């Protein structure tokens, strides 16, 4: 019987460790979402990756009102900067992007 108790206690300890780690990860995610709400920044990791991998390349970005085309100059946590063919620099918040090509 004592062996069964110790085995069960060890298993419960591992489960508590896993749950603690999951709680920590979820707490970090909630804090990130709260910060986004407070600051108005919209962080979209897939856009950060997409534009970050296309620095110095031509892309097309569609918003509700306009479609822009240009060279990716810089990518931030909440937006992308393009240089249009005219030479103008445009900063596009991720929250306004409908599609990218």
PDB file of N, CA and C in Angstrom:
ATOM      1  N   UNK A   1       0.801  -1.207   0.000  1.00  0.00           N
ATOM      2  CA  UNK A   1       0.000   0.000   0.000  1.00  0.00           C
ATOM      3  C   UNK A   1       0.848   1.279   0.000  1.00  0.00           C
ATOM      4  N   UNK A   2       1.939   1.381   0.790  1.00  0.00           N
ATOM      5  CA  UNK A   2       2.707   2.615   0.806  1.00  0.00           C
ATOM      6  C   UNK A   2       3.249   2.966  -0.579  1.00  0.00           C
ATOM      7  N   UNK A   3       3.627   1.988  -1.372  1.00  0.00           N
ATOM      8  CA  UNK A   3       4.159   2.225  -2.696  1.00  0.00           C
ATOM      9  C   UNK A   3       3.116   2.899  -3.583  1.00  0.00           C
ATOM     10  N   UNK A   4       1.886   2.475  -3.473  1.00  0.00           N
ATOM     11  CA  UNK A   4       0.797   3.046  -4.262  1.00  0.00           C
ATOM     12  C   UNK A   4       0.592   4.514  -3.895  1.00  0.00           C
ATOM     13  N   UNK A   5       0.681   4.839  -2.625  1.00  0.00           N
ATOM     14  CA  UNK A   5       0.510   6.216  -2.159  1.00  0.00           C
ATOM     15  C   UNK A   5       1.595   7.117  -2.749  1.00  0.00           C
ATOM     16  N   UNK A   6       2.851   6.669  -2.706  1.00  0.00           N
ATOM     17  CA  UNK A   6       3.957   7.475  -3.208  1.00  0.00           C
ATOM     18  C   UNK A   6       3.891   7.637  -4.724  1.00  0.00           C
ATOM     19  N   UNK A   7       3.472   6.597  -5.416  1.00  0.00           N
ATOM     20  CA  UNK A   7       3.313   6.674  -6.868  1.00  0.00           C
ATOM     21  C   UNK A   7       2.236   7.689  -7.223  1.00  0.00           C
ATOM     22  N   UNK A   8       1.144   7.633  -6.505  1.00  0.00           N
ATOM     23  CA  UNK A   8       0.038   8.572  -6.742  1.00  0.00           C
ATOM     24  C   UNK A   8       0.459  10.003  -6.415  1.00  0.00           C
ATOM     25  N   UNK A   9       1.188  10.170  -5.327  1.00  0.00           N
ATOM     26  CA  UNK A   9       1.659  11.500  -4.930  1.00  0.00           C
ATOM     27  C   UNK A   9       2.598  12.074  -5.987  1.00  0.00           C
ATOM     28  N   UNK A  10       3.469  11.248  -6.533  1.00  0.00           N
ATOM     29  CA  UNK A  10       4.400  11.684  -7.574  1.00  0.00           C
ATOM     30  C   UNK A  10       3.638  12.103  -8.836  1.00  0.00           C
ATOM     31  N   UNK A  11       2.645  11.320  -9.193  1.00  0.00           N
ATOM     32  CA  UNK A  11       1.832  11.622 -10.375  1.00  0.00           C
ATOM     33  C   UNK A  11       1.081  12.941 -10.181  1.00  0.00           C
ATOM     34  N   UNK A  12       0.523  13.140  -8.999  1.00  0.00           N
ATOM     35  CA  UNK A  12      -0.198  14.384  -8.709  1.00  0.00           C
ATOM     36  C   UNK A  12       0.749  15.581  -8.730  1.00  0.00           C
ATOM     37  N   UNK A  13       1.950  15.394  -8.242  1.00  0.00           N
ATOM     38  CA  UNK A  13       2.940  16.472  -8.257  1.00  0.00           C
ATOM     39  C   UNK A  13       3.263  16.877  -9.693  1.00  0.00           C
ATOM     40  N   UNK A  14       3.430  15.911 -10.581  1.00  0.00           N
ATOM     41  CA  UNK A  14       3.688  16.209 -11.995  1.00  0.00           C
ATOM     42  C   UNK A  14       2.509  16.941 -12.628  1.00  0.00           C
ATOM     43  N   UNK A  15       1.301  16.511 -12.297  1.00  0.00           N
ATOM     44  CA  UNK A  15       0.114  17.171 -12.847  1.00  0.00           C
ATOM     45  C   UNK A  15       0.030  18.616 -12.371  1.00  0.00           C
ATOM     46  N   UNK A  16       0.359  18.866 -11.115  1.00  0.00           N
ATOM     47  CA  UNK A  16       0.354  20.230 -10.575  1.00  0.00           C
ATOM     48  C   UNK A  16       1.394  21.079 -11.302  1.00  0.00           C
ATOM     49  N   UNK A  17       2.569  20.519 -11.571  1.00  0.00           N
ATOM     50  CA  UNK A  17       3.607  21.253 -12.297  1.00  0.00           C
ATOM     51  C   UNK A  17       3.144  21.617 -13.702  1.00  0.00           C
ATOM     52  N   UNK A  18       2.507  20.682 -14.389  1.00  0.00           N
ATOM     53  CA  UNK A  18       1.996  20.941 -15.743  1.00  0.00           C
ATOM     54  C   UNK A  18       0.922  22.024 -15.702  1.00  0.00           C
ATOM     55  N   UNK A  19       0.009  21.921 -14.756  1.00  0.00           N
ATOM     56  CA  UNK A  19      -1.056  22.919 -14.633  1.00  0.00           C
ATOM     57  C   UNK A  19      -0.494  24.289 -14.274  1.00  0.00           C
ATOM     58  N   UNK A  20       0.533  24.331 -13.448  1.00  0.00           N
ATOM     59  CA  UNK A  20       1.167  25.604 -13.094  1.00  0.00           C
ATOM     60  C   UNK A  20       1.782  26.257 -14.323  1.00  0.00           C
ATOM     61  N   UNK A  21       2.439  25.469 -15.153  1.00  0.00           N
ATOM     62  CA  UNK A  21       3.035  25.993 -16.380  1.00  0.00           C
ATOM     63  C   UNK A  21       1.957  26.508 -17.329  1.00  0.00           C
ATOM     64  N   UNK A  22       0.880  25.753 -17.490  1.00  0.00           N
ATOM     65  CA  UNK A  22      -0.218  26.187 -18.354  1.00  0.00           C
ATOM     66  C   UNK A  22      -0.840  27.474 -17.826  1.00  0.00           C
ATOM     67  N   UNK A  23      -0.998  27.580 -16.518  1.00  0.00           N
ATOM     68  CA  UNK A  23      -1.560  28.789 -15.913  1.00  0.00           C
ATOM     69  C   UNK A  23      -0.653  29.985 -16.173  1.00  0.00           C
ATOM     70  N   UNK A  24       0.651  29.779 -16.069  1.00  0.00           N
ATOM     71  CA  UNK A  24       1.606  30.854 -16.326  1.00  0.00           C
ATOM     72  C   UNK A  24       1.517  31.328 -17.779  1.00  0.00           C
ATOM     73  N   UNK A  25       1.439  30.385 -18.722  1.00  0.00           N
ATOM     74  CA  UNK A  25       1.326  30.746 -20.140  1.00  0.00           C
ATOM     75  C   UNK A  25       0.032  31.505 -20.421  1.00  0.00           C
ATOM     76  N   UNK A  26      -1.069  31.047 -19.842  1.00  0.00           N
ATOM     77  CA  UNK A  26      -2.351  31.726 -20.043  1.00  0.00           C
ATOM     78  C   UNK A  26      -2.352  33.109 -19.409  1.00  0.00           C
ATOM     79  N   UNK A  27      -1.715  33.254 -18.262  1.00  0.00           N
ATOM     80  CA  UNK A  27      -1.607  34.559 -17.612  1.00  0.00           C
ATOM     81  C   UNK A  27      -0.844  35.528 -18.510  1.00  0.00           C
ATOM     82  N   UNK A  28       0.244  35.072 -19.123  1.00  0.00           N
ATOM     83  CA  UNK A  28       1.006  35.911 -20.050  1.00  0.00           C
ATOM     84  C   UNK A  28       0.155  36.334 -21.239  1.00  0.00           C
ATOM     85  N   UNK A  29      -0.640  35.414 -21.770  1.00  0.00           N
ATOM     86  CA  UNK A  29      -1.502  35.741 -22.917  1.00  0.00           C
ATOM     87  C   UNK A  29      -2.555  36.771 -22.533  1.00  0.00           C
ATOM     88  N   UNK A  30      -3.150  36.606 -21.358  1.00  0.00           N
ATOM     89  CA  UNK A  30      -4.161  37.560 -20.891  1.00  0.00           C
ATOM     90  C   UNK A  30      -3.529  38.935 -20.705  1.00  0.00           C
ATOM     91  N   UNK A  31      -2.336  39.000 -20.123  1.00  0.00           N
ATOM     92  CA  UNK A  31      -1.659  40.281 -19.942  1.00  0.00           C
ATOM     93  C   UNK A  31      -1.369  40.944 -21.286  1.00  0.00           C
ATOM     94  N   UNK A  32      -0.956  40.151 -22.270  1.00  0.00           N
ATOM     95  CA  UNK A  32      -0.701  40.694 -23.599  1.00  0.00           C
ATOM     96  C   UNK A  32      -1.977  41.266 -24.211  1.00  0.00           C
ATOM     97  N   UNK A  33      -3.077  40.541 -24.093  1.00  0.00           N
ATOM     98  CA  UNK A  33      -4.359  41.024 -24.626  1.00  0.00           C
ATOM     99  C   UNK A  33      -4.824  42.277 -23.897  1.00  0.00           C
ATOM    100  N   UNK A  34      -4.647  42.320 -22.582  1.00  0.00           N
ATOM    101  CA  UNK A  34      -5.026  43.513 -21.819  1.00  0.00           C
ATOM    102  C   UNK A  34      -4.198  44.713 -22.261  1.00  0.00           C
ATOM    103  N   UNK A  35      -2.896  44.518 -22.483  1.00  0.00           N
ATOM    104  CA  UNK A  35      -2.040  45.607 -22.953  1.00  0.00           C
ATOM    105  C   UNK A  35      -2.481  46.099 -24.324  1.00  0.00           C
ATOM    106  N   UNK A  36      -2.861  45.168 -25.194  1.00  0.00           N
ATOM    107  CA  UNK A  36      -3.329  45.564 -26.519  1.00  0.00           C
ATOM    108  C   UNK A  36      -4.596  46.401 -26.409  1.00  0.00           C
ATOM    109  N   UNK A  37      -5.494  46.016 -25.526  1.00  0.00           N
ATOM    110  CA  UNK A  37      -6.731  46.776 -25.341  1.00  0.00           C
ATOM    111  C   UNK A  37      -6.454  48.155 -24.768  1.00  0.00           C
ATOM    112  N   UNK A  38      -5.563  48.235 -23.787  1.00  0.00           N
ATOM    113  CA  UNK A  38      -5.258  49.509 -23.146  1.00  0.00           C
ATOM    114  C   UNK A  38      -4.548  50.473 -24.086  1.00  0.00           C
ATOM    115  N   UNK A  39      -3.644  49.959 -24.902  1.00  0.00           N
ATOM    116  CA  UNK A  39      -2.862  50.827 -25.779  1.00  0.00           C
ATOM    117  C   UNK A  39      -3.504  51.026 -27.147  1.00  0.00           C
ATOM    118  N   UNK A  40      -4.449  50.172 -27.489  1.00  0.00           N
ATOM    119  CA  UNK A  40      -5.062  50.254 -28.808  1.00  0.00           C
ATOM    120  C   UNK A  40      -4.235  49.580 -29.890  1.00  0.00           C
ATOM    121  N   UNK A  41      -3.106  48.967 -29.516  1.00  0.00           N
ATOM    122  CA  UNK A  41      -2.263  48.271 -30.481  1.00  0.00           C
ATOM    123  C   UNK A  41      -2.843  46.900 -30.780  1.00  0.00           C
ATOM    124  N   UNK A  42      -2.822  46.540 -32.038  1.00  0.00           N
ATOM    125  CA  UNK A  42      -3.284  45.214 -32.436  1.00  0.00           C
ATOM    126  C   UNK A  42      -2.082  44.431 -32.934  1.00  0.00           C
ATOM    127  N   UNK A  43      -1.644  43.468 -32.140  1.00  0.00           N
ATOM    128  CA  UNK A  43      -0.484  42.660 -32.504  1.00  0.00           C
ATOM    129  C   UNK A  43      -0.980  41.368 -33.153  1.00  0.00           C
ATOM    130  N   UNK A  44      -0.587  41.171 -34.402  1.00  0.00           N
ATOM    131  CA  UNK A  44      -1.009  39.985 -35.148  1.00  0.00           C
ATOM    132  C   UNK A  44       0.258  39.255 -35.602  1.00  0.00           C
ATOM    133  N   UNK A  45       0.651  38.215 -34.870  1.00  0.00           N
ATOM    134  CA  UNK A  45       1.909  37.521 -35.183  1.00  0.00           C
ATOM    135  C   UNK A  45       2.037  37.054 -36.634  1.00  0.00           C
ATOM    136  N   UNK A  46       0.945  36.620 -37.248  1.00  0.00           N
ATOM    137  CA  UNK A  46       1.043  36.147 -38.637  1.00  0.00           C
ATOM    138  C   UNK A  46       1.410  37.295 -39.583  1.00  0.00           C
ATOM    139  N   UNK A  47       0.923  38.513 -39.323  1.00  0.00           N
ATOM    140  CA  UNK A  47       1.303  39.669 -40.145  1.00  0.00           C
ATOM    141  C   UNK A  47       2.764  40.045 -39.888  1.00  0.00           C
ATOM    142  N   UNK A  48       3.190  39.988 -38.629  1.00  0.00           N
ATOM    143  CA  UNK A  48       4.582  40.300 -38.306  1.00  0.00           C
ATOM    144  C   UNK A  48       5.502  39.347 -39.064  1.00  0.00           C
ATOM    145  N   UNK A  49       5.179  38.066 -39.064  1.00  0.00           N
ATOM    146  CA  UNK A  49       5.982  37.073 -39.788  1.00  0.00           C
ATOM    147  C   UNK A  49       5.933  37.310 -41.296  1.00  0.00           C
ATOM    148  N   UNK A  50       4.721  37.533 -41.824  1.00  0.00           N
ATOM    149  CA  UNK A  50       4.549  37.719 -43.268  1.00  0.00           C
ATOM    150  C   UNK A  50       5.392  38.894 -43.763  1.00  0.00           C
ATOM    151  N   UNK A  51       5.204  40.065 -43.146  1.00  0.00           N
ATOM    152  CA  UNK A  51       5.918  41.254 -43.611  1.00  0.00           C
ATOM    153  C   UNK A  51       7.404  41.204 -43.254  1.00  0.00           C
ATOM    154  N   UNK A  52       7.727  40.623 -42.092  1.00  0.00           N
ATOM    155  CA  UNK A  52       9.131  40.499 -41.702  1.00  0.00           C
ATOM    156  C   UNK A  52       9.924  39.665 -42.692  1.00  0.00           C
ATOM    157  N   UNK A  53       9.292  38.650 -43.252  1.00  0.00           N
ATOM    158  CA  UNK A  53       9.948  37.794 -44.246  1.00  0.00           C
ATOM    159  C   UNK A  53       9.965  38.415 -45.636  1.00  0.00           C
ATOM    160  N   UNK A  54       9.306  39.538 -45.809  1.00  0.00           N
ATOM    161  CA  UNK A  54       9.232  40.172 -47.132  1.00  0.00           C
ATOM    162  C   UNK A  54       9.848  41.571 -47.147  1.00  0.00           C
ATOM    163  N   UNK A  55      10.717  41.857 -46.194  1.00  0.00           N
ATOM    164  CA  UNK A  55      11.411  43.144 -46.198  1.00  0.00           C
ATOM    165  C   UNK A  55      12.156  43.296 -47.521  1.00  0.00           C
ATOM    166  N   UNK A  56      12.022  44.475 -48.130  1.00  0.00           N
ATOM    167  CA  UNK A  56      12.622  44.819 -49.431  1.00  0.00           C
ATOM    168  C   UNK A  56      11.927  44.139 -50.607  1.00  0.00           C
ATOM    169  N   UNK A  57      10.787  43.537 -50.370  1.00  0.00           N
ATOM    170  CA  UNK A  57      10.020  42.917 -51.451  1.00  0.00           C
ATOM    171  C   UNK A  57       8.708  43.672 -51.665  1.00  0.00           C
ATOM    172  N   UNK A  58       8.172  43.546 -52.871  1.00  0.00           N
ATOM    173  CA  UNK A  58       6.911  44.206 -53.216  1.00  0.00           C
ATOM    174  C   UNK A  58       5.734  43.380 -52.704  1.00  0.00           C
ATOM    175  N   UNK A  59       4.768  44.073 -52.087  1.00  0.00           N
ATOM    176  CA  UNK A  59       3.545  43.429 -51.598  1.00  0.00           C
ATOM    177  C   UNK A  59       2.351  44.301 -51.965  1.00  0.00           C
ATOM    178  N   UNK A  60       1.186  43.701 -51.899  1.00  0.00           N
ATOM    179  CA  UNK A  60      -0.071  44.423 -52.104  1.00  0.00           C
ATOM    180  C   UNK A  60      -0.904  44.241 -50.840  1.00  0.00           C
ATOM    181  N   UNK A  61      -1.376  45.361 -50.284  1.00  0.00           N
ATOM    182  CA  UNK A  61      -2.134  45.352 -49.032  1.00  0.00           C
ATOM    183  C   UNK A  61      -3.495  45.983 -49.284  1.00  0.00           C
ATOM    184  N   UNK A  62      -4.552  45.257 -48.948  1.00  0.00           N
ATOM    185  CA  UNK A  62      -5.912  45.778 -49.107  1.00  0.00           C
ATOM    186  C   UNK A  62      -6.484  46.147 -47.747  1.00  0.00           C
ATOM    187  N   UNK A  63      -7.080  47.346 -47.706  1.00  0.00           N
ATOM    188  CA  UNK A  63      -7.819  47.785 -46.529  1.00  0.00           C
ATOM    189  C   UNK A  63      -9.270  47.953 -46.959  1.00  0.00           C
ATOM    190  N   UNK A  64     -10.094  48.427 -46.060  1.00  0.00           N
ATOM    191  CA  UNK A  64     -11.507  48.612 -46.395  1.00  0.00           C
ATOM    192  C   UNK A  64     -11.682  49.639 -47.515  1.00  0.00           C
ATOM    193  N   UNK A  65     -10.798  50.636 -47.568  1.00  0.00           N
ATOM    194  CA  UNK A  65     -11.000  51.745 -48.494  1.00  0.00           C
ATOM    195  C   UNK A  65     -10.066  51.768 -49.693  1.00  0.00           C
ATOM    196  N   UNK A  66      -8.908  51.110 -49.599  1.00  0.00           N
ATOM    197  CA  UNK A  66      -7.917  51.246 -50.658  1.00  0.00           C
ATOM    198  C   UNK A  66      -7.021  50.005 -50.699  1.00  0.00           C
ATOM    199  N   UNK A  67      -6.451  49.768 -51.878  1.00  0.00           N
ATOM    200  CA  UNK A  67      -5.423  48.741 -52.022  1.00  0.00           C
ATOM    201  C   UNK A  67      -4.114  49.455 -52.331  1.00  0.00           C
ATOM    202  N   UNK A  68      -3.097  49.165 -51.527  1.00  0.00           N
ATOM    203  CA  UNK A  68      -1.792  49.801 -51.683  1.00  0.00           C
ATOM    204  C   UNK A  68      -0.780  48.763 -52.135  1.00  0.00           C
ATOM    205  N   UNK A  69       0.174  49.221 -52.943  1.00  0.00           N
ATOM    206  CA  UNK A  69       1.245  48.341 -53.374  1.00  0.00           C
ATOM    207  C   UNK A  69       2.554  49.052 -53.124  1.00  0.00           C
ATOM    208  N   UNK A  70       3.538  48.307 -52.627  1.00  0.00           N
ATOM    209  CA  UNK A  70       4.829  48.927 -52.379  1.00  0.00           C
ATOM    210  C   UNK A  70       5.837  47.939 -51.832  1.00  0.00           C
ATOM    211  N   UNK A  71       7.021  48.469 -51.550  1.00  0.00           N
ATOM    212  CA  UNK A  71       8.124  47.685 -51.007  1.00  0.00           C
ATOM    213  C   UNK A  71       8.057  47.751 -49.484  1.00  0.00           C
ATOM    214  N   UNK A  72       8.165  46.597 -48.832  1.00  0.00           N
ATOM    215  CA  UNK A  72       8.160  46.565 -47.367  1.00  0.00           C
ATOM    216  C   UNK A  72       9.470  47.170 -46.868  1.00  0.00           C
ATOM    217  N   UNK A  73       9.340  48.252 -46.100  1.00  0.00           N
ATOM    218  CA  UNK A  73      10.501  48.940 -45.540  1.00  0.00           C
ATOM    219  C   UNK A  73      10.770  48.474 -44.115  1.00  0.00           C
ATOM    220  N   UNK A  74       9.702  48.400 -43.308  1.00  0.00           N
ATOM    221  CA  UNK A  74       9.859  48.022 -41.897  1.00  0.00           C
ATOM    222  C   UNK A  74       8.579  47.381 -41.392  1.00  0.00           C
ATOM    223  N   UNK A  75       8.744  46.523 -40.396  1.00  0.00           N
ATOM    224  CA  UNK A  75       7.607  45.876 -39.746  1.00  0.00           C
ATOM    225  C   UNK A  75       7.704  46.140 -38.251  1.00  0.00           C
ATOM    226  N   UNK A  76       6.594  46.555 -37.659  1.00  0.00           N
ATOM    227  CA  UNK A  76       6.529  46.785 -36.213  1.00  0.00           C
ATOM    228  C   UNK A  76       5.560  45.779 -35.603  1.00  0.00           C
ATOM    229  N   UNK A  77       5.354  45.880 -34.296  1.00  0.00           N
ATOM    230  CA  UNK A  77       4.420  44.976 -33.624  1.00  0.00           C
ATOM    231  C   UNK A  77       2.983  45.199 -34.065  1.00  0.00           C
ATOM    232  N   UNK A  78       2.688  46.422 -34.536  1.00  0.00           N
ATOM    233  CA  UNK A  78       1.297  46.755 -34.836  1.00  0.00           C
ATOM    234  C   UNK A  78       1.069  47.277 -36.249  1.00  0.00           C
ATOM    235  N   UNK A  79       2.088  47.235 -37.107  1.00  0.00           N
ATOM    236  CA  UNK A  79       1.886  47.750 -38.452  1.00  0.00           C
ATOM    237  C   UNK A  79       3.093  47.528 -39.349  1.00  0.00           C
ATOM    238  N   UNK A  80       2.929  47.964 -40.596  1.00  0.00           N
ATOM    239  CA  UNK A  80       3.984  47.803 -41.595  1.00  0.00           C
ATOM    240  C   UNK A  80       4.170  49.126 -42.333  1.00  0.00           C
ATOM    241  N   UNK A  81       5.405  49.389 -42.737  1.00  0.00           N
ATOM    242  CA  UNK A  81       5.710  50.584 -43.512  1.00  0.00           C
ATOM    243  C   UNK A  81       6.083  50.160 -44.927  1.00  0.00           C
ATOM    244  N   UNK A  82       5.414  50.774 -45.900  1.00  0.00           N
ATOM    245  CA  UNK A  82       5.671  50.499 -47.319  1.00  0.00           C
ATOM    246  C   UNK A  82       6.181  51.754 -48.003  1.00  0.00           C
ATOM    247  N   UNK A  83       7.013  51.554 -49.035  1.00  0.00           N
ATOM    248  CA  UNK A  83       7.380  52.656 -49.925  1.00  0.00           C
ATOM    249  C   UNK A  83       6.638  52.410 -51.226  1.00  0.00           C
ATOM    250  N   UNK A  84       5.735  53.337 -51.557  1.00  0.00           N
ATOM    251  CA  UNK A  84       4.946  53.220 -52.782  1.00  0.00           C
ATOM    252  C   UNK A  84       5.821  53.541 -53.994  1.00  0.00           C
ATOM    253  N   UNK A  85       5.374  53.145 -55.198  1.00  0.00           N
ATOM    254  CA  UNK A  85       6.141  53.444 -56.414  1.00  0.00           C
ATOM    255  C   UNK A  85       6.440  54.941 -56.572  1.00  0.00           C
ATOM    256  N   UNK A  86       5.582  55.805 -56.028  1.00  0.00           N
ATOM    257  CA  UNK A  86       5.792  57.254 -56.108  1.00  0.00           C
ATOM    258  C   UNK A  86       6.900  57.726 -55.172  1.00  0.00           C
ATOM    259  N   UNK A  87       7.345  56.845 -54.267  1.00  0.00           N
ATOM    260  CA  UNK A  87       8.362  57.216 -53.285  1.00  0.00           C
ATOM    261  C   UNK A  87       7.784  57.555 -51.923  1.00  0.00           C
ATOM    262  N   UNK A  88       6.456  57.709 -51.865  1.00  0.00           N
ATOM    263  CA  UNK A  88       5.805  58.016 -50.587  1.00  0.00           C
ATOM    264  C   UNK A  88       5.933  56.841 -49.626  1.00  0.00           C
ATOM    265  N   UNK A  89       6.121  57.173 -48.346  1.00  0.00           N
ATOM    266  CA  UNK A  89       6.123  56.158 -47.296  1.00  0.00           C
ATOM    267  C   UNK A  89       4.738  56.094 -46.679  1.00  0.00           C
ATOM    268  N   UNK A  90       4.244  54.881 -46.487  1.00  0.00           N
ATOM    269  CA  UNK A  90       2.905  54.679 -45.936  1.00  0.00           C
ATOM    270  C   UNK A  90       3.022  53.731 -44.748  1.00  0.00           C
ATOM    271  N   UNK A  91       2.413  54.115 -43.636  1.00  0.00           N
ATOM    272  CA  UNK A  91       2.359  53.254 -42.458  1.00  0.00           C
ATOM    273  C   UNK A  91       0.949  52.694 -42.360  1.00  0.00           C
ATOM    274  N   UNK A  92       0.825  51.369 -42.356  1.00  0.00           N
ATOM    275  CA  UNK A  92      -0.484  50.715 -42.339  1.00  0.00           C
ATOM    276  C   UNK A  92      -0.621  49.917 -41.043  1.00  0.00           C
ATOM    277  N   UNK A  93      -1.571  50.298 -40.184  1.00  0.00           N
ATOM    278  CA  UNK A  93      -1.807  49.513 -38.965  1.00  0.00           C
ATOM    279  C   UNK A  93      -2.372  48.141 -39.325  1.00  0.00           C
ATOM    280  N   UNK A  94      -1.909  47.109 -38.637  1.00  0.00           N
ATOM    281  CA  UNK A  94      -2.411  45.760 -38.889  1.00  0.00           C
ATOM    282  C   UNK A  94      -3.919  45.678 -38.710  1.00  0.00           C
ATOM    283  N   UNK A  95      -4.450  46.462 -37.796  1.00  0.00           N
ATOM    284  CA  UNK A  95      -5.892  46.403 -37.519  1.00  0.00           C
ATOM    285  C   UNK A  95      -6.729  46.855 -38.707  1.00  0.00           C
ATOM    286  N   UNK A  96      -6.123  47.533 -39.683  1.00  0.00           N
ATOM    287  CA  UNK A  96      -6.858  48.029 -40.859  1.00  0.00           C
ATOM    288  C   UNK A  96      -6.681  47.143 -42.088  1.00  0.00           C
ATOM    289  N   UNK A  97      -5.838  46.124 -41.998  1.00  0.00           N
ATOM    290  CA  UNK A  97      -5.547  45.277 -43.157  1.00  0.00           C
ATOM    291  C   UNK A  97      -6.606  44.189 -43.306  1.00  0.00           C
ATOM    292  N   UNK A  98      -7.170  44.101 -44.521  1.00  0.00           N
ATOM    293  CA  UNK A  98      -8.129  43.037 -44.841  1.00  0.00           C
ATOM    294  C   UNK A  98      -7.448  41.844 -45.501  1.00  0.00           C
ATOM    295  N   UNK A  99      -6.486  42.117 -46.390  1.00  0.00           N
ATOM    296  CA  UNK A  99      -5.769  41.028 -47.057  1.00  0.00           C
ATOM    297  C   UNK A  99      -4.417  41.521 -47.542  1.00  0.00           C
ATOM    298  N   UNK A 100      -3.514  40.566 -47.761  1.00  0.00           N
ATOM    299  CA  UNK A 100      -2.183  40.885 -48.282  1.00  0.00           C
ATOM    300  C   UNK A 100      -1.827  39.889 -49.377  1.00  0.00           C
ATOM    301  N   UNK A 101      -1.056  40.361 -50.358  1.00  0.00           N
ATOM    302  CA  UNK A 101      -0.616  39.504 -51.470  1.00  0.00           C
ATOM    303  C   UNK A 101       0.847  39.798 -51.738  1.00  0.00           C
TER     304      UNK A 101
END
